[in-house]
N, C-alpha and C. Protein backbone atom coordinates (compact mmCIF):
# COMPACT_ATOMS: atom_id res chain seq x y z
N MET A 1 0.88 -1.05 0.12
CA MET A 1 -0.04 -0.25 0.02
C MET A 1 1.07 1.57 -0.05
N ASN A 2 0.24 2.02 -0.98
CA ASN A 2 1.08 3.62 -1.08
C ASN A 2 0.79 4.80 -0.48
N ILE A 3 1.22 5.35 0.72
CA ILE A 3 0.43 6.80 1.10
C ILE A 3 1.20 7.99 0.43
N GLU A 4 0.41 8.92 -0.02
CA GLU A 4 0.77 10.20 -0.94
C GLU A 4 0.74 11.36 0.24
N TYR A 5 1.11 12.07 0.40
CA TYR A 5 1.50 13.77 0.98
C TYR A 5 2.11 14.42 0.72
N LYS A 6 1.77 15.35 -0.39
CA LYS A 6 1.76 16.67 -0.74
C LYS A 6 2.68 16.12 -2.21
N ASN A 7 4.19 15.73 -1.98
CA ASN A 7 4.30 15.44 -3.29
C ASN A 7 6.07 14.39 -2.68
N TYR A 8 5.08 13.75 -1.95
CA TYR A 8 5.87 12.85 -1.61
C TYR A 8 5.14 11.19 -1.19
N VAL A 9 5.75 10.01 -1.83
CA VAL A 9 5.21 8.53 -1.81
C VAL A 9 5.92 7.85 -0.27
N ILE A 10 4.90 7.75 0.49
CA ILE A 10 5.42 6.14 0.66
C ILE A 10 5.23 5.24 0.96
N ALA A 11 5.83 4.13 0.60
CA ALA A 11 5.33 2.66 0.29
C ALA A 11 5.79 1.90 0.84
N GLN A 12 4.62 0.84 1.39
CA GLN A 12 5.35 -0.15 2.18
C GLN A 12 5.79 -1.04 1.75
N SER A 13 7.06 -1.29 2.45
CA SER A 13 8.04 -2.91 1.98
C SER A 13 7.82 -4.23 2.68
N GLN A 14 8.75 -4.14 3.55
CA GLN A 14 8.27 -5.46 4.31
C GLN A 14 7.78 -5.04 6.43
N SER A 15 6.80 -5.76 6.29
CA SER A 15 6.11 -5.54 7.72
C SER A 15 5.74 -4.34 8.03
N ASP A 16 6.37 -3.84 9.30
CA ASP A 16 6.47 -1.96 9.52
C ASP A 16 7.46 -0.85 8.88
N ARG A 17 8.14 -1.56 7.49
CA ARG A 17 8.82 -0.29 6.81
C ARG A 17 8.38 -0.26 5.63
N PHE A 18 9.19 1.02 5.55
CA PHE A 18 8.48 1.77 4.06
C PHE A 18 10.03 2.55 3.56
N HIS A 19 9.46 2.62 2.12
CA HIS A 19 10.15 3.49 1.19
C HIS A 19 10.03 4.89 1.02
N LEU A 20 10.76 5.94 0.99
CA LEU A 20 10.56 7.41 0.73
C LEU A 20 10.83 7.79 0.21
N GLN A 21 9.58 8.45 -1.23
CA GLN A 21 10.23 8.98 -2.05
C GLN A 21 9.25 10.03 -2.94
N LYS A 22 10.17 11.39 -2.71
CA LYS A 22 9.43 12.21 -3.90
C LYS A 22 9.73 12.74 -5.20
N LYS A 23 8.55 13.20 -5.48
CA LYS A 23 7.89 13.56 -6.67
C LYS A 23 8.52 14.93 -6.93
N VAL A 24 9.72 14.75 -8.26
CA VAL A 24 9.96 16.22 -8.90
C VAL A 24 9.80 15.95 -10.41
N LEU A 25 10.06 16.62 -10.75
CA LEU A 25 9.82 17.56 -12.08
C LEU A 25 11.10 17.53 -12.59
N ARG A 26 11.85 17.15 -13.93
CA ARG A 26 12.68 16.92 -14.62
C ARG A 26 12.32 17.50 -16.29
N LYS A 27 13.44 17.75 -17.06
CA LYS A 27 13.42 17.90 -17.99
C LYS A 27 14.31 17.64 -19.04
N LYS A 28 13.84 17.33 -19.97
CA LYS A 28 14.72 16.03 -21.52
C LYS A 28 15.63 16.72 -21.40
N LYS A 29 16.74 16.41 -21.86
CA LYS A 29 17.67 16.95 -22.52
C LYS A 29 17.45 18.06 -24.33
N ASP A 30 16.98 16.75 -24.59
CA ASP A 30 16.72 17.48 -26.30
C ASP A 30 15.60 18.33 -26.83
N ASP A 31 14.61 18.42 -26.14
CA ASP A 31 13.60 18.76 -25.98
C ASP A 31 12.87 19.90 -25.21
N GLU A 32 13.65 19.39 -24.06
CA GLU A 32 13.30 20.63 -22.75
C GLU A 32 11.58 20.25 -21.99
N THR A 33 10.80 19.07 -22.35
CA THR A 33 9.98 19.10 -22.00
C THR A 33 10.09 17.78 -20.68
N GLU A 34 8.79 18.44 -19.65
CA GLU A 34 9.13 18.30 -18.52
C GLU A 34 8.22 16.65 -18.30
N TYR A 35 9.27 16.22 -17.22
CA TYR A 35 8.06 14.70 -16.95
C TYR A 35 8.42 14.57 -15.16
N GLU A 36 7.74 13.59 -14.76
CA GLU A 36 7.64 13.75 -12.91
C GLU A 36 8.32 11.95 -13.33
N VAL A 37 9.43 12.22 -12.18
CA VAL A 37 9.98 10.96 -11.36
C VAL A 37 9.75 11.15 -10.32
N LEU A 38 10.18 9.71 -9.28
CA LEU A 38 10.30 9.37 -7.62
C LEU A 38 11.80 9.73 -7.77
N ASP A 39 12.17 10.31 -6.76
CA ASP A 39 13.47 10.45 -6.08
C ASP A 39 13.70 9.40 -4.40
N ASP A 40 14.17 8.89 -4.98
CA ASP A 40 14.44 8.01 -3.30
C ASP A 40 14.61 9.10 -2.49
N MET A 41 14.54 8.58 -1.40
CA MET A 41 14.80 9.75 0.18
C MET A 41 14.95 8.25 0.78
N ALA A 42 14.23 7.41 1.71
CA ALA A 42 14.95 6.57 2.43
C ALA A 42 14.02 5.48 2.41
N TYR A 43 15.18 4.26 2.51
CA TYR A 43 14.35 3.09 2.41
C TYR A 43 14.37 1.85 3.67
N ASP A 44 13.48 1.31 3.79
CA ASP A 44 13.63 0.57 4.65
C ASP A 44 13.83 0.59 6.69
N VAL A 45 12.64 2.54 6.28
CA VAL A 45 12.62 3.19 7.91
C VAL A 45 11.30 2.82 8.32
N LYS A 46 11.00 2.91 9.26
CA LYS A 46 9.66 3.29 10.69
C LYS A 46 8.87 4.33 9.69
N LEU A 47 7.37 4.03 9.71
CA LEU A 47 7.07 4.93 9.35
C LEU A 47 6.76 6.40 10.17
N ASP A 48 7.30 6.51 10.88
CA ASP A 48 7.75 7.65 12.09
C ASP A 48 8.87 8.44 11.83
N SER A 49 9.82 7.72 10.73
CA SER A 49 10.98 7.99 10.83
C SER A 49 10.48 9.06 8.93
N ALA A 50 10.14 8.19 8.33
CA ALA A 50 9.55 8.71 7.17
C ALA A 50 8.99 10.58 7.18
N ILE A 51 8.15 10.08 7.96
CA ILE A 51 6.98 11.39 8.67
C ILE A 51 8.60 12.48 8.97
N ASN A 52 9.03 11.88 9.90
CA ASN A 52 10.79 12.68 10.21
C ASN A 52 11.05 13.58 8.95
N PHE A 53 11.59 12.60 8.48
CA PHE A 53 12.63 13.11 7.03
C PHE A 53 11.45 14.03 5.69
N ILE A 54 10.33 13.94 6.03
CA ILE A 54 9.36 14.63 5.64
C ILE A 54 9.45 16.22 5.75
N ILE A 55 9.39 15.63 7.16
CA ILE A 55 8.90 17.36 8.04
C ILE A 55 10.34 17.90 7.77
N HIS A 56 11.56 16.97 7.88
CA HIS A 56 13.02 17.69 7.78
C HIS A 56 12.90 18.63 6.41
N GLU A 57 12.59 17.66 4.87
CA GLU A 57 12.62 17.96 3.92
C GLU A 57 11.49 19.23 3.77
N GLU A 58 10.53 19.51 3.97
CA GLU A 58 9.96 20.63 3.98
C GLU A 58 10.39 21.88 4.81
N LEU A 59 10.89 21.54 6.04
CA LEU A 59 11.62 22.67 6.41
C LEU A 59 12.69 22.98 6.07
N SER A 60 13.48 22.46 5.28
CA SER A 60 14.50 22.59 4.91
C SER A 60 14.52 23.41 3.33
N GLU A 61 13.62 23.62 2.43
CA GLU A 61 12.85 24.61 1.77
C GLU A 61 12.77 26.30 2.20
N LYS A 62 12.67 25.84 3.81
CA LYS A 62 12.41 27.37 3.60
C LYS A 62 13.89 27.77 3.87
N LYS A 63 14.53 28.84 3.58
CA LYS A 63 16.16 29.26 3.46
C LYS A 63 15.65 30.48 4.30
N GLU A 64 15.68 30.43 5.37
CA GLU A 64 15.32 31.49 6.84
C GLU A 64 16.33 30.69 7.47
N THR A 65 17.11 31.66 8.42
CA THR A 65 17.48 31.44 9.65
C THR A 65 16.45 32.03 10.52
N VAL A 66 16.54 30.92 11.79
CA VAL A 66 15.82 31.11 13.21
C VAL A 66 16.43 30.53 14.09
N THR A 67 15.49 30.77 15.39
CA THR A 67 16.26 29.93 16.64
C THR A 67 15.85 28.80 16.52
N LEU A 68 16.28 27.88 17.80
CA LEU A 68 16.03 26.22 17.61
C LEU A 68 14.65 26.26 18.07
N LYS A 69 13.91 27.73 19.00
CA LYS A 69 12.66 27.61 19.41
C LYS A 69 11.62 27.50 18.16
N GLU A 70 11.89 28.54 17.42
CA GLU A 70 11.31 28.51 16.25
C GLU A 70 11.30 27.52 15.37
N PHE A 71 11.97 27.07 15.40
CA PHE A 71 12.33 25.36 14.48
C PHE A 71 11.95 24.73 15.10
N LEU A 72 11.86 23.98 16.14
CA LEU A 72 11.13 23.28 17.28
C LEU A 72 9.05 23.14 16.88
N ASN A 73 9.11 24.63 16.89
CA ASN A 73 7.34 25.35 16.85
C ASN A 73 7.18 24.84 15.27
N GLU A 74 7.83 25.05 14.30
CA GLU A 74 7.53 24.68 12.81
C GLU A 74 7.77 23.65 12.65
N PHE A 75 8.37 22.75 13.30
CA PHE A 75 9.05 20.90 13.23
C PHE A 75 7.45 20.53 14.02
N LYS A 76 7.16 20.94 15.35
CA LYS A 76 5.88 20.47 15.88
C LYS A 76 4.30 20.97 14.83
N ARG A 77 4.59 21.99 14.30
CA ARG A 77 3.15 22.46 13.38
C ARG A 77 3.15 21.32 12.29
N GLU A 78 4.19 21.09 11.27
CA GLU A 78 4.26 20.88 10.26
C GLU A 78 3.99 18.97 10.75
N LYS A 79 4.02 18.93 11.58
CA LYS A 79 4.16 17.41 12.09
C LYS A 79 2.76 17.10 12.54
N GLU A 80 2.16 18.10 13.17
CA GLU A 80 0.59 17.95 13.45
C GLU A 80 -0.24 18.00 12.09
N GLU A 81 -0.13 18.81 11.21
CA GLU A 81 -0.60 19.27 9.60
C GLU A 81 -0.60 18.09 8.66
N LEU A 82 0.94 17.29 8.75
CA LEU A 82 0.84 15.82 8.52
C LEU A 82 0.05 14.83 9.02
N MET A 83 0.03 14.89 10.26
CA MET A 83 -0.78 13.86 11.17
C MET A 83 -2.02 13.94 10.77
N LYS A 84 -2.79 14.83 11.01
CA LYS A 84 -4.27 15.41 10.81
C LYS A 84 -4.36 14.42 8.91
N VAL A 85 -4.01 14.67 8.58
CA VAL A 85 -3.75 14.42 6.58
C VAL A 85 -4.10 12.66 6.73
N LEU A 86 -3.31 12.25 7.69
CA LEU A 86 -2.68 10.86 7.68
C LEU A 86 -3.82 10.02 8.61
N ASN A 87 -4.28 10.81 9.66
CA ASN A 87 -5.81 10.15 10.27
C ASN A 87 -6.81 10.39 9.64
């Protein structure tokens, strides 16, 4: 079974393990047409680890400097948002 969230795919592998992939757009070299691929982010991880990978990836896209407290608040907010979607 696969779980989709934003541009991520969490695919079940063995028992309680998952593979995490991110959807990205690529351009063909010859004609510049775009196509979607799945980039591997993590193999054979537990669901909570896959969720943490997604949160860290989402936060790393924000190019700003914040305090540790602000980072932890953002991390908590992102995790709550993701858990609402999964529940």
